[in-house]
Amino acid sequence: MPKFFARKKKEEQKETKEPVPKYVEAWGWAASAARFRGLICMVLSFALVISLIVSGALYFTRDVVIVGVTPTGERMLLEPVSQGVNLEVFVRHFLGFYANYSPQTINSSIESAMKLATKPFRDSFNYVLGSSFIQSVIQDKIVQSVAVSRVEISSLREGGFKAMAYATRYRSVNDETKQVVYEIDIVKGPVSKDNPYGYYVNSLKESNV
């Protein structure tokens, strides 16, 4: 083929080639931008996950400082609990409220004791004794004092335990002093502001030795 005709054919092909529409170019630009945004989102998401992991690790490994405030407003450093509850201390603490009272302290003593007891125990106490018992202590000026000499822990289980508290009980009625034993069934429960022990008295029986 002569060079003249070959050159003419190439010129015809150039003339017949249609230009690319502008909206097609715009689509290509938008697709590229979308891919770029997707890549940025993936990078930011990965960075967020890493930061959360690092923050969590720092939170659980950092030193915890607990500050307590005394009734006079003085601040003092406290230490986190590192050992289990002393069960004997809990028994003595409960009986200190429940079994010791006077006309001046009966309301606050029973209220404090009930915070360390289960709902069935509170319901039983209110049904059997309740406000009539409290009023009789106030009106008759009854004073009771119990000194616990020994506490035996038995039937220790995951959900609680049983305790036998041996004590000397004094009551102002007839100026009476007796040796008594408290059989107490105690169950585990939530730790709260009112009950930091996490144990609750579920039943109690008092008998003479």
N, C-alpha and C. Protein backbone atom coordinates (compact mmCIF):
# COMPACT_ATOMS: atom_id res chain seq x y z
N MET A 1 0.87 -1.18 0.00
CA MET A 1 0.00 0.00 0.00
C MET A 1 0.91 1.23 0.00
N PRO A 2 0.62 2.16 -0.84
CA PRO A 2 1.42 3.40 -0.89
C PRO A 2 1.30 4.14 0.42
N LYS A 3 2.36 4.91 0.74
CA LYS A 3 2.40 5.65 1.99
C LYS A 3 1.31 6.68 2.05
N PHE A 4 0.89 7.23 0.91
CA PHE A 4 -0.15 8.26 0.87
C PHE A 4 -1.46 7.72 1.40
N PHE A 5 -1.82 6.52 0.91
CA PHE A 5 -3.08 5.93 1.34
C PHE A 5 -3.02 5.49 2.81
N ALA A 6 -1.86 5.01 3.26
CA ALA A 6 -1.73 4.60 4.68
C ALA A 6 -1.89 5.79 5.59
N ARG A 7 -1.27 6.93 5.23
CA ARG A 7 -1.38 8.13 6.04
C ARG A 7 -2.80 8.64 6.06
N LYS A 8 -3.47 8.55 4.94
CA LYS A 8 -4.86 9.00 4.84
C LYS A 8 -5.78 8.15 5.70
N LYS A 9 -5.50 6.84 5.71
CA LYS A 9 -6.33 5.95 6.51
C LYS A 9 -6.19 6.24 7.99
N LYS A 10 -4.94 6.54 8.45
CA LYS A 10 -4.72 6.87 9.85
C LYS A 10 -5.43 8.16 10.21
N GLU A 11 -5.42 9.14 9.28
CA GLU A 11 -6.10 10.40 9.56
C GLU A 11 -7.59 10.20 9.67
N GLU A 12 -8.16 9.30 8.84
CA GLU A 12 -9.60 9.01 8.90
C GLU A 12 -9.95 8.36 10.25
N GLN A 13 -9.04 7.43 10.74
CA GLN A 13 -9.31 6.78 12.03
C GLN A 13 -9.30 7.79 13.16
N LYS A 14 -8.36 8.77 13.09
CA LYS A 14 -8.31 9.80 14.11
C LYS A 14 -9.55 10.65 14.09
N GLU A 15 -10.05 10.95 12.87
CA GLU A 15 -11.23 11.79 12.75
C GLU A 15 -12.47 11.08 13.26
N THR A 16 -12.55 9.74 13.08
CA THR A 16 -13.75 9.00 13.49
C THR A 16 -13.76 8.66 14.98
N LYS A 17 -12.61 8.79 15.66
CA LYS A 17 -12.56 8.49 17.10
C LYS A 17 -13.28 9.56 17.90
N GLU A 18 -14.31 9.15 18.70
CA GLU A 18 -15.12 10.08 19.45
C GLU A 18 -14.43 10.45 20.76
N PRO A 19 -14.56 11.68 21.18
CA PRO A 19 -13.96 12.11 22.47
C PRO A 19 -14.68 11.46 23.66
N VAL A 20 -13.95 11.25 24.77
CA VAL A 20 -14.53 10.66 25.99
C VAL A 20 -15.44 11.69 26.65
N PRO A 21 -16.70 11.33 26.95
CA PRO A 21 -17.62 12.31 27.58
C PRO A 21 -17.09 12.74 28.94
N LYS A 22 -17.42 13.98 29.32
CA LYS A 22 -16.94 14.54 30.58
C LYS A 22 -17.48 13.79 31.79
N TYR A 23 -18.77 13.29 31.69
CA TYR A 23 -19.33 12.63 32.86
C TYR A 23 -18.64 11.31 33.15
N VAL A 24 -18.09 10.66 32.10
CA VAL A 24 -17.34 9.43 32.32
C VAL A 24 -16.06 9.74 33.09
N GLU A 25 -15.42 10.86 32.76
CA GLU A 25 -14.24 11.27 33.49
C GLU A 25 -14.59 11.58 34.95
N ALA A 26 -15.76 12.22 35.14
CA ALA A 26 -16.21 12.54 36.50
C ALA A 26 -16.45 11.28 37.31
N TRP A 27 -17.04 10.26 36.67
CA TRP A 27 -17.25 8.99 37.37
C TRP A 27 -15.94 8.37 37.82
N GLY A 28 -14.95 8.41 36.96
CA GLY A 28 -13.65 7.86 37.31
C GLY A 28 -13.03 8.58 38.49
N TRP A 29 -13.19 9.92 38.51
CA TRP A 29 -12.66 10.70 39.63
C TRP A 29 -13.39 10.36 40.93
N ALA A 30 -14.72 10.20 40.85
CA ALA A 30 -15.51 9.87 42.04
C ALA A 30 -15.16 8.49 42.58
N ALA A 31 -14.93 7.53 41.67
CA ALA A 31 -14.56 6.18 42.10
C ALA A 31 -13.21 6.20 42.81
N SER A 32 -12.28 6.96 42.26
CA SER A 32 -10.97 7.05 42.89
C SER A 32 -11.08 7.69 44.27
N ALA A 33 -11.89 8.75 44.40
CA ALA A 33 -12.08 9.42 45.68
C ALA A 33 -12.73 8.48 46.69
N ALA A 34 -13.70 7.69 46.24
CA ALA A 34 -14.37 6.75 47.15
C ALA A 34 -13.40 5.70 47.65
N ARG A 35 -12.55 5.18 46.76
CA ARG A 35 -11.55 4.20 47.19
C ARG A 35 -10.60 4.82 48.21
N PHE A 36 -10.22 6.07 47.98
CA PHE A 36 -9.31 6.75 48.92
C PHE A 36 -9.97 6.93 50.28
N ARG A 37 -11.27 7.35 50.27
CA ARG A 37 -11.98 7.51 51.54
C ARG A 37 -12.11 6.18 52.27
N GLY A 38 -12.38 5.11 51.53
CA GLY A 38 -12.49 3.80 52.15
C GLY A 38 -11.19 3.37 52.80
N LEU A 39 -10.06 3.67 52.12
CA LEU A 39 -8.75 3.34 52.70
C LEU A 39 -8.51 4.13 53.97
N ILE A 40 -8.87 5.43 53.96
CA ILE A 40 -8.70 6.27 55.15
C ILE A 40 -9.54 5.75 56.31
N CYS A 41 -10.79 5.36 56.02
CA CYS A 41 -11.67 4.82 57.08
C CYS A 41 -11.09 3.55 57.69
N MET A 42 -10.53 2.68 56.86
CA MET A 42 -9.94 1.45 57.37
C MET A 42 -8.75 1.76 58.29
N VAL A 43 -7.91 2.72 57.86
CA VAL A 43 -6.75 3.09 58.67
C VAL A 43 -7.20 3.68 60.00
N LEU A 44 -8.21 4.58 59.96
CA LEU A 44 -8.69 5.20 61.20
C LEU A 44 -9.33 4.17 62.12
N SER A 45 -10.10 3.22 61.55
CA SER A 45 -10.72 2.18 62.38
C SER A 45 -9.66 1.32 63.06
N PHE A 46 -8.63 0.97 62.32
CA PHE A 46 -7.54 0.17 62.90
C PHE A 46 -6.85 0.93 64.02
N ALA A 47 -6.62 2.24 63.80
CA ALA A 47 -5.98 3.06 64.83
C ALA A 47 -6.85 3.16 66.07
N LEU A 48 -8.20 3.25 65.88
CA LEU A 48 -9.11 3.33 67.01
C LEU A 48 -9.08 2.06 67.84
N VAL A 49 -9.07 0.90 67.17
CA VAL A 49 -9.01 -0.37 67.88
C VAL A 49 -7.73 -0.48 68.69
N ILE A 50 -6.61 -0.09 68.09
CA ILE A 50 -5.34 -0.14 68.80
C ILE A 50 -5.35 0.76 70.02
N SER A 51 -5.91 1.98 69.86
CA SER A 51 -5.94 2.92 70.99
C SER A 51 -6.81 2.39 72.12
N LEU A 52 -7.94 1.73 71.77
CA LEU A 52 -8.81 1.15 72.81
C LEU A 52 -8.10 0.04 73.56
N ILE A 53 -7.36 -0.79 72.83
CA ILE A 53 -6.63 -1.89 73.48
C ILE A 53 -5.57 -1.34 74.42
N VAL A 54 -4.84 -0.33 73.95
CA VAL A 54 -3.80 0.27 74.78
C VAL A 54 -4.40 0.94 76.01
N SER A 55 -5.52 1.67 75.82
CA SER A 55 -6.18 2.35 76.95
C SER A 55 -6.66 1.34 77.98
N GLY A 56 -7.25 0.24 77.50
CA GLY A 56 -7.71 -0.79 78.42
C GLY A 56 -6.57 -1.42 79.21
N ALA A 57 -5.45 -1.67 78.52
CA ALA A 57 -4.31 -2.25 79.20
C ALA A 57 -3.76 -1.29 80.26
N LEU A 58 -3.71 -0.02 79.93
CA LEU A 58 -3.22 0.97 80.90
C LEU A 58 -4.17 1.09 82.08
N TYR A 59 -5.49 0.99 81.81
CA TYR A 59 -6.47 1.12 82.89
C TYR A 59 -6.34 -0.01 83.90
N PHE A 60 -6.16 -1.24 83.40
CA PHE A 60 -6.13 -2.38 84.30
C PHE A 60 -4.77 -2.59 84.95
N THR A 61 -3.73 -1.95 84.43
CA THR A 61 -2.41 -2.14 85.01
C THR A 61 -1.95 -0.94 85.82
N ARG A 62 -2.69 0.14 85.76
CA ARG A 62 -2.24 1.32 86.48
C ARG A 62 -2.44 1.15 87.98
N ASP A 63 -1.74 1.91 88.76
CA ASP A 63 -1.89 1.89 90.21
C ASP A 63 -3.19 2.60 90.61
N VAL A 64 -3.99 1.94 91.46
CA VAL A 64 -5.26 2.51 91.91
C VAL A 64 -5.04 3.17 93.26
N VAL A 65 -5.45 4.41 93.39
CA VAL A 65 -5.34 5.15 94.64
C VAL A 65 -6.74 5.39 95.16
N ILE A 66 -7.02 4.90 96.36
CA ILE A 66 -8.33 5.06 96.98
C ILE A 66 -8.18 6.04 98.14
N VAL A 67 -9.01 7.06 98.11
CA VAL A 67 -8.94 8.11 99.13
C VAL A 67 -10.19 8.04 99.99
N GLY A 68 -10.00 7.98 101.30
CA GLY A 68 -11.12 8.01 102.23
C GLY A 68 -11.18 9.34 102.95
N VAL A 69 -12.37 9.71 103.40
CA VAL A 69 -12.58 10.97 104.10
C VAL A 69 -13.15 10.66 105.48
N THR A 70 -12.50 11.13 106.52
CA THR A 70 -12.97 10.92 107.88
C THR A 70 -14.13 11.87 108.19
N PRO A 71 -14.88 11.63 109.27
CA PRO A 71 -15.99 12.53 109.63
C PRO A 71 -15.55 13.97 109.84
N THR A 72 -14.28 14.18 110.18
CA THR A 72 -13.79 15.56 110.38
C THR A 72 -13.34 16.21 109.09
N GLY A 73 -13.41 15.47 107.97
CA GLY A 73 -13.02 16.03 106.68
C GLY A 73 -11.59 15.74 106.29
N GLU A 74 -10.86 15.02 107.14
CA GLU A 74 -9.47 14.69 106.84
C GLU A 74 -9.41 13.56 105.81
N ARG A 75 -8.53 13.72 104.81
CA ARG A 75 -8.38 12.69 103.78
C ARG A 75 -7.27 11.72 104.15
N MET A 76 -7.48 10.45 103.77
CA MET A 76 -6.48 9.44 104.06
C MET A 76 -6.47 8.41 102.94
N LEU A 77 -5.29 7.86 102.66
CA LEU A 77 -5.16 6.86 101.61
C LEU A 77 -5.58 5.50 102.14
N LEU A 78 -6.35 4.79 101.33
CA LEU A 78 -6.78 3.44 101.67
C LEU A 78 -6.18 2.48 100.66
N GLU A 79 -6.14 1.20 101.00
CA GLU A 79 -5.60 0.19 100.12
C GLU A 79 -6.72 -0.71 99.62
N PRO A 80 -6.63 -1.19 98.36
CA PRO A 80 -7.64 -2.12 97.85
C PRO A 80 -7.66 -3.40 98.68
N VAL A 81 -8.83 -4.05 98.74
CA VAL A 81 -8.97 -5.29 99.50
C VAL A 81 -8.13 -6.37 98.83
N SER A 82 -7.26 -6.99 99.58
CA SER A 82 -6.38 -8.01 99.02
C SER A 82 -6.61 -9.38 99.66
N GLN A 83 -7.53 -9.49 100.60
CA GLN A 83 -7.80 -10.76 101.23
C GLN A 83 -9.30 -10.92 101.44
N GLY A 84 -9.70 -12.16 101.71
CA GLY A 84 -11.11 -12.45 101.86
C GLY A 84 -11.69 -11.90 103.16
N VAL A 85 -13.01 -12.01 103.26
CA VAL A 85 -13.71 -11.52 104.44
C VAL A 85 -13.43 -12.44 105.63
N ASN A 86 -13.15 -11.85 106.77
CA ASN A 86 -13.01 -12.61 108.00
C ASN A 86 -14.42 -12.94 108.49
N LEU A 87 -14.82 -14.19 108.38
CA LEU A 87 -16.20 -14.59 108.69
C LEU A 87 -16.54 -14.36 110.15
N GLU A 88 -15.60 -14.60 111.03
CA GLU A 88 -15.86 -14.38 112.46
C GLU A 88 -16.11 -12.90 112.74
N VAL A 89 -15.37 -12.04 112.07
CA VAL A 89 -15.56 -10.60 112.26
C VAL A 89 -16.96 -10.19 111.82
N PHE A 90 -17.43 -10.78 110.69
CA PHE A 90 -18.78 -10.45 110.22
C PHE A 90 -19.83 -10.87 111.24
N VAL A 91 -19.69 -12.07 111.82
CA VAL A 91 -20.66 -12.55 112.82
C VAL A 91 -20.70 -11.61 114.02
N ARG A 92 -19.53 -11.26 114.51
CA ARG A 92 -19.47 -10.35 115.67
C ARG A 92 -20.03 -8.97 115.31
N HIS A 93 -19.77 -8.53 114.10
CA HIS A 93 -20.27 -7.22 113.67
C HIS A 93 -21.80 -7.20 113.64
N PHE A 94 -22.39 -8.26 113.11
CA PHE A 94 -23.86 -8.34 113.06
C PHE A 94 -24.46 -8.38 114.46
N LEU A 95 -23.94 -9.25 115.30
CA LEU A 95 -24.48 -9.37 116.66
C LEU A 95 -24.26 -8.10 117.47
N GLY A 96 -23.21 -7.35 117.13
CA GLY A 96 -22.99 -6.08 117.81
C GLY A 96 -24.16 -5.12 117.62
N PHE A 97 -24.80 -5.21 116.47
CA PHE A 97 -26.00 -4.38 116.23
C PHE A 97 -27.28 -5.07 116.71
N TYR A 98 -27.42 -6.34 116.35
CA TYR A 98 -28.68 -7.04 116.57
C TYR A 98 -28.95 -7.35 118.05
N ALA A 99 -27.91 -7.72 118.79
CA ALA A 99 -28.10 -8.20 120.16
C ALA A 99 -27.76 -7.17 121.23
N ASN A 100 -27.25 -6.04 120.85
CA ASN A 100 -26.91 -4.99 121.82
C ASN A 100 -27.77 -3.75 121.55
N TYR A 101 -28.52 -3.36 122.56
CA TYR A 101 -29.40 -2.20 122.36
C TYR A 101 -29.81 -1.61 123.70
N SER A 102 -30.35 -0.41 123.59
CA SER A 102 -30.90 0.33 124.74
C SER A 102 -32.04 1.17 124.20
N PRO A 103 -32.81 1.83 125.06
CA PRO A 103 -33.90 2.68 124.54
C PRO A 103 -33.40 3.76 123.58
N GLN A 104 -32.17 4.22 123.77
CA GLN A 104 -31.64 5.29 122.94
C GLN A 104 -31.08 4.77 121.60
N THR A 105 -30.70 3.49 121.56
CA THR A 105 -30.02 2.98 120.37
C THR A 105 -30.79 1.91 119.61
N ILE A 106 -31.94 1.49 120.13
CA ILE A 106 -32.65 0.35 119.54
C ILE A 106 -32.99 0.57 118.06
N ASN A 107 -33.44 1.76 117.70
CA ASN A 107 -33.83 2.01 116.30
C ASN A 107 -32.63 1.93 115.37
N SER A 108 -31.56 2.61 115.72
CA SER A 108 -30.37 2.61 114.86
C SER A 108 -29.71 1.24 114.84
N SER A 109 -29.73 0.52 115.98
CA SER A 109 -29.11 -0.81 116.05
C SER A 109 -29.84 -1.79 115.14
N ILE A 110 -31.16 -1.82 115.23
CA ILE A 110 -31.93 -2.75 114.40
C ILE A 110 -31.81 -2.37 112.93
N GLU A 111 -31.83 -1.09 112.63
CA GLU A 111 -31.69 -0.63 111.24
C GLU A 111 -30.35 -1.08 110.66
N SER A 112 -29.29 -0.95 111.43
CA SER A 112 -27.96 -1.36 110.96
C SER A 112 -27.89 -2.88 110.80
N ALA A 113 -28.51 -3.62 111.72
CA ALA A 113 -28.51 -5.08 111.63
C ALA A 113 -29.26 -5.57 110.40
N MET A 114 -30.38 -4.91 110.08
CA MET A 114 -31.18 -5.34 108.94
C MET A 114 -30.47 -5.11 107.61
N LYS A 115 -29.52 -4.19 107.57
CA LYS A 115 -28.73 -3.97 106.36
C LYS A 115 -27.79 -5.14 106.10
N LEU A 116 -27.55 -5.95 107.12
CA LEU A 116 -26.68 -7.12 107.01
C LEU A 116 -27.48 -8.41 106.95
N ALA A 117 -28.77 -8.31 106.67
CA ALA A 117 -29.66 -9.48 106.65
C ALA A 117 -30.39 -9.57 105.32
N THR A 118 -30.86 -10.78 105.01
CA THR A 118 -31.61 -11.00 103.78
C THR A 118 -33.05 -10.49 103.94
N LYS A 119 -33.74 -10.37 102.83
CA LYS A 119 -35.13 -9.93 102.87
C LYS A 119 -36.02 -10.91 103.65
N PRO A 120 -35.88 -12.24 103.46
CA PRO A 120 -36.68 -13.16 104.29
C PRO A 120 -36.45 -12.98 105.79
N PHE A 121 -35.21 -12.71 106.18
CA PHE A 121 -34.94 -12.48 107.60
C PHE A 121 -35.62 -11.21 108.07
N ARG A 122 -35.54 -10.14 107.28
CA ARG A 122 -36.18 -8.87 107.66
C ARG A 122 -37.69 -9.04 107.75
N ASP A 123 -38.26 -9.76 106.80
CA ASP A 123 -39.71 -9.98 106.81
C ASP A 123 -40.12 -10.79 108.04
N SER A 124 -39.33 -11.79 108.39
CA SER A 124 -39.64 -12.62 109.56
C SER A 124 -39.52 -11.79 110.84
N PHE A 125 -38.48 -10.96 110.92
CA PHE A 125 -38.30 -10.12 112.10
C PHE A 125 -39.47 -9.15 112.26
N ASN A 126 -39.88 -8.53 111.17
CA ASN A 126 -40.99 -7.57 111.24
C ASN A 126 -42.30 -8.25 111.60
N TYR A 127 -42.46 -9.52 111.15
CA TYR A 127 -43.71 -10.23 111.43
C TYR A 127 -43.76 -10.68 112.89
N VAL A 128 -42.64 -11.20 113.42
CA VAL A 128 -42.63 -11.74 114.78
C VAL A 128 -42.42 -10.65 115.82
N LEU A 129 -41.50 -9.74 115.58
CA LEU A 129 -41.17 -8.70 116.56
C LEU A 129 -41.59 -7.32 116.06
N GLY A 130 -40.85 -6.81 115.12
CA GLY A 130 -41.21 -5.54 114.49
C GLY A 130 -41.25 -4.35 115.42
N SER A 131 -42.14 -3.42 115.08
CA SER A 131 -42.23 -2.15 115.81
C SER A 131 -42.69 -2.34 117.26
N SER A 132 -43.48 -3.38 117.53
CA SER A 132 -43.95 -3.61 118.90
C SER A 132 -42.78 -3.93 119.83
N PHE A 133 -41.82 -4.70 119.32
CA PHE A 133 -40.64 -5.02 120.11
C PHE A 133 -39.82 -3.75 120.38
N ILE A 134 -39.65 -2.94 119.36
CA ILE A 134 -38.88 -1.70 119.51
C ILE A 134 -39.55 -0.77 120.52
N GLN A 135 -40.86 -0.66 120.43
CA GLN A 135 -41.59 0.20 121.36
C GLN A 135 -41.50 -0.31 122.79
N SER A 136 -41.52 -1.63 122.98
CA SER A 136 -41.41 -2.19 124.34
C SER A 136 -40.04 -1.90 124.94
N VAL A 137 -39.00 -1.96 124.13
CA VAL A 137 -37.65 -1.64 124.63
C VAL A 137 -37.59 -0.20 125.08
N ILE A 138 -38.21 0.69 124.29
CA ILE A 138 -38.19 2.12 124.63
C ILE A 138 -39.03 2.40 125.88
N GLN A 139 -40.25 1.86 125.90
CA GLN A 139 -41.16 2.16 127.01
C GLN A 139 -40.69 1.53 128.32
N ASP A 140 -40.20 0.29 128.26
CA ASP A 140 -39.78 -0.41 129.47
C ASP A 140 -38.32 -0.15 129.82
N LYS A 141 -37.67 0.66 129.00
CA LYS A 141 -36.27 1.03 129.26
C LYS A 141 -35.38 -0.22 129.41
N ILE A 142 -35.52 -1.10 128.44
CA ILE A 142 -34.76 -2.36 128.47
C ILE A 142 -33.37 -2.14 127.86
N VAL A 143 -32.39 -2.69 128.55
CA VAL A 143 -31.01 -2.66 128.07
C VAL A 143 -30.51 -4.10 127.92
N GLN A 144 -29.94 -4.40 126.76
CA GLN A 144 -29.35 -5.73 126.56
C GLN A 144 -27.93 -5.57 126.05
N SER A 145 -27.04 -6.38 126.63
CA SER A 145 -25.63 -6.35 126.23
C SER A 145 -25.15 -7.78 126.04
N VAL A 146 -24.52 -8.04 124.90
CA VAL A 146 -24.04 -9.39 124.60
C VAL A 146 -22.54 -9.33 124.32
N ALA A 147 -21.79 -10.16 125.03
CA ALA A 147 -20.35 -10.27 124.81
C ALA A 147 -20.06 -11.64 124.21
N VAL A 148 -19.61 -11.66 122.97
CA VAL A 148 -19.32 -12.92 122.26
C VAL A 148 -17.94 -13.40 122.67
N SER A 149 -17.88 -14.63 123.17
CA SER A 149 -16.59 -15.19 123.61
C SER A 149 -15.95 -16.07 122.53
N ARG A 150 -16.77 -16.74 121.72
CA ARG A 150 -16.21 -17.65 120.72
C ARG A 150 -17.17 -17.80 119.55
N VAL A 151 -16.60 -17.91 118.35
CA VAL A 151 -17.38 -18.12 117.13
C VAL A 151 -16.84 -19.33 116.40
N GLU A 152 -17.72 -20.28 116.09
CA GLU A 152 -17.33 -21.46 115.34
C GLU A 152 -17.98 -21.41 113.96
N ILE A 153 -17.18 -21.59 112.94
CA ILE A 153 -17.67 -21.58 111.56
C ILE A 153 -17.82 -23.02 111.10
N SER A 154 -18.97 -23.35 110.54
CA SER A 154 -19.21 -24.71 110.04
C SER A 154 -20.00 -24.64 108.74
N SER A 155 -20.08 -25.81 108.07
CA SER A 155 -20.83 -25.91 106.81
C SER A 155 -20.43 -24.82 105.82
N LEU A 156 -19.12 -24.60 105.72
CA LEU A 156 -18.62 -23.59 104.80
C LEU A 156 -18.84 -24.05 103.37
N ARG A 157 -19.52 -23.23 102.57
CA ARG A 157 -19.83 -23.57 101.19
C ARG A 157 -19.66 -22.33 100.33
N GLU A 158 -19.77 -22.52 99.02
CA GLU A 158 -19.57 -21.40 98.11
C GLU A 158 -20.61 -20.31 98.31
N GLY A 159 -21.83 -20.72 98.65
CA GLY A 159 -22.90 -19.73 98.79
C GLY A 159 -23.09 -19.19 100.19
N GLY A 160 -22.25 -19.57 101.14
CA GLY A 160 -22.41 -19.06 102.50
C GLY A 160 -21.81 -20.01 103.53
N PHE A 161 -22.29 -19.91 104.76
CA PHE A 161 -21.78 -20.76 105.84
C PHE A 161 -22.72 -20.68 107.04
N LYS A 162 -22.46 -21.53 108.01
CA LYS A 162 -23.19 -21.50 109.28
C LYS A 162 -22.22 -21.13 110.39
N ALA A 163 -22.72 -20.47 111.41
CA ALA A 163 -21.87 -20.05 112.53
C ALA A 163 -22.58 -20.30 113.85
N MET A 164 -21.78 -20.65 114.86
CA MET A 164 -22.27 -20.79 116.23
C MET A 164 -21.51 -19.75 117.05
N ALA A 165 -22.24 -18.80 117.61
CA ALA A 165 -21.61 -17.75 118.41
C ALA A 165 -21.98 -17.96 119.88
N TYR A 166 -20.99 -18.21 120.71
CA TYR A 166 -21.19 -18.42 122.14
C TYR A 166 -20.97 -17.10 122.86
N ALA A 167 -21.94 -16.72 123.71
CA ALA A 167 -21.88 -15.38 124.30
C ALA A 167 -22.49 -15.35 125.70
N THR A 168 -22.18 -14.28 126.39
CA THR A 168 -22.80 -13.98 127.68
C THR A 168 -23.76 -12.82 127.46
N ARG A 169 -25.03 -13.03 127.78
CA ARG A 169 -26.05 -12.01 127.53
C ARG A 169 -26.56 -11.42 128.84
N TYR A 170 -26.56 -10.12 128.92
CA TYR A 170 -27.13 -9.43 130.09
C TYR A 170 -28.36 -8.65 129.64
N ARG A 171 -29.45 -8.80 130.41
CA ARG A 171 -30.68 -8.03 130.17
C ARG A 171 -31.08 -7.35 131.47
N SER A 172 -31.46 -6.09 131.31
CA SER A 172 -31.85 -5.31 132.50
C SER A 172 -33.15 -5.81 133.11
N VAL A 173 -33.95 -6.55 132.33
CA VAL A 173 -35.17 -7.14 132.87
C VAL A 173 -34.78 -8.22 133.88
N ASN A 174 -35.16 -8.03 135.13
CA ASN A 174 -34.82 -8.95 136.23
C ASN A 174 -33.31 -9.02 136.47
N ASP A 175 -32.58 -8.07 135.87
CA ASP A 175 -31.12 -8.02 136.06
C ASP A 175 -30.51 -9.40 135.78
N GLU A 176 -30.82 -9.93 134.61
CA GLU A 176 -30.52 -11.32 134.27
C GLU A 176 -29.27 -11.44 133.40
N THR A 177 -28.43 -12.41 133.75
CA THR A 177 -27.25 -12.74 132.96
C THR A 177 -27.29 -14.22 132.61
N LYS A 178 -27.11 -14.54 131.31
CA LYS A 178 -27.18 -15.93 130.85
C LYS A 178 -26.09 -16.22 129.84
N GLN A 179 -25.74 -17.51 129.76
CA GLN A 179 -24.87 -17.99 128.70
C GLN A 179 -25.77 -18.45 127.54
N VAL A 180 -25.59 -17.88 126.39
CA VAL A 180 -26.45 -18.21 125.24
C VAL A 180 -25.57 -18.56 124.04
N VAL A 181 -26.22 -19.19 123.07
CA VAL A 181 -25.54 -19.50 121.80
C VAL A 181 -26.47 -19.08 120.66
N TYR A 182 -25.89 -18.43 119.68
CA TYR A 182 -26.63 -18.00 118.49
C TYR A 182 -26.24 -18.91 117.32
N GLU A 183 -27.24 -19.60 116.78
CA GLU A 183 -27.03 -20.41 115.57
C GLU A 183 -27.45 -19.56 114.38
N ILE A 184 -26.51 -19.25 113.52
CA ILE A 184 -26.76 -18.29 112.44
C ILE A 184 -26.44 -18.93 111.09
N ASP A 185 -27.37 -18.79 110.16
CA ASP A 185 -27.14 -19.22 108.77
C ASP A 185 -26.89 -17.97 107.94
N ILE A 186 -25.79 -17.96 107.21
CA ILE A 186 -25.36 -16.76 106.49
C ILE A 186 -25.14 -17.12 105.02
N VAL A 187 -25.61 -16.26 104.13
CA VAL A 187 -25.48 -16.49 102.69
C VAL A 187 -24.72 -15.34 102.05
N LYS A 188 -24.16 -15.63 100.87
CA LYS A 188 -23.45 -14.60 100.12
C LYS A 188 -24.44 -13.71 99.39
N GLY A 189 -24.04 -12.46 99.20
CA GLY A 189 -24.87 -11.51 98.47
C GLY A 189 -24.00 -10.41 97.89
N PRO A 190 -24.62 -9.40 97.32
CA PRO A 190 -23.85 -8.32 96.71
C PRO A 190 -23.14 -7.44 97.74
N VAL A 191 -21.96 -7.00 97.38
CA VAL A 191 -21.25 -6.01 98.20
C VAL A 191 -21.84 -4.64 97.90
N SER A 192 -22.15 -3.88 98.93
CA SER A 192 -22.77 -2.57 98.74
C SER A 192 -22.22 -1.59 99.75
N LYS A 193 -22.66 -0.36 99.62
CA LYS A 193 -22.25 0.68 100.58
C LYS A 193 -22.75 0.33 101.98
N ASP A 194 -23.96 -0.22 102.07
CA ASP A 194 -24.52 -0.58 103.37
C ASP A 194 -23.93 -1.88 103.92
N ASN A 195 -23.48 -2.74 103.01
CA ASN A 195 -22.94 -4.03 103.44
C ASN A 195 -21.66 -4.33 102.66
N PRO A 196 -20.51 -3.83 103.14
CA PRO A 196 -19.25 -4.08 102.42
C PRO A 196 -18.73 -5.50 102.56
N TYR A 197 -19.34 -6.30 103.43
CA TYR A 197 -18.89 -7.68 103.63
C TYR A 197 -19.34 -8.61 102.50
N GLY A 198 -20.53 -8.35 101.95
CA GLY A 198 -21.05 -9.24 100.93
C GLY A 198 -21.65 -10.52 101.48
N TYR A 199 -21.92 -10.54 102.81
CA TYR A 199 -22.58 -11.67 103.46
C TYR A 199 -23.83 -11.16 104.17
N TYR A 200 -24.87 -12.03 104.23
CA TYR A 200 -26.15 -11.61 104.80
C TYR A 200 -26.69 -12.72 105.70
N VAL A 201 -27.18 -12.33 106.87
CA VAL A 201 -27.78 -13.29 107.80
C VAL A 201 -29.15 -13.69 107.26
N ASN A 202 -29.34 -15.00 107.12
CA ASN A 202 -30.58 -15.51 106.56
C ASN A 202 -31.52 -16.08 107.63
N SER A 203 -30.94 -16.57 108.71
CA SER A 203 -31.76 -17.05 109.85
C SER A 203 -30.91 -17.03 111.11
N LEU A 204 -31.61 -16.92 112.25
CA LEU A 204 -30.91 -16.87 113.54
C LEU A 204 -31.78 -17.53 114.59
N LYS A 205 -31.13 -18.32 115.41
CA LYS A 205 -31.82 -18.99 116.52
C LYS A 205 -31.00 -18.81 117.78
N GLU A 206 -31.65 -18.33 118.83
CA GLU A 206 -30.98 -18.11 120.11
C GLU A 206 -31.44 -19.17 121.11
N SER A 207 -30.50 -19.77 121.80
CA SER A 207 -30.83 -20.79 122.80
C SER A 207 -29.87 -20.69 123.97
N ASN A 208 -30.28 -21.27 125.09
CA ASN A 208 -29.43 -21.28 126.27
C ASN A 208 -28.40 -22.40 126.16
N VAL A 209 -27.27 -22.18 126.75
CA VAL A 209 -26.21 -23.20 126.74
C VAL A 209 -26.55 -24.29 127.74
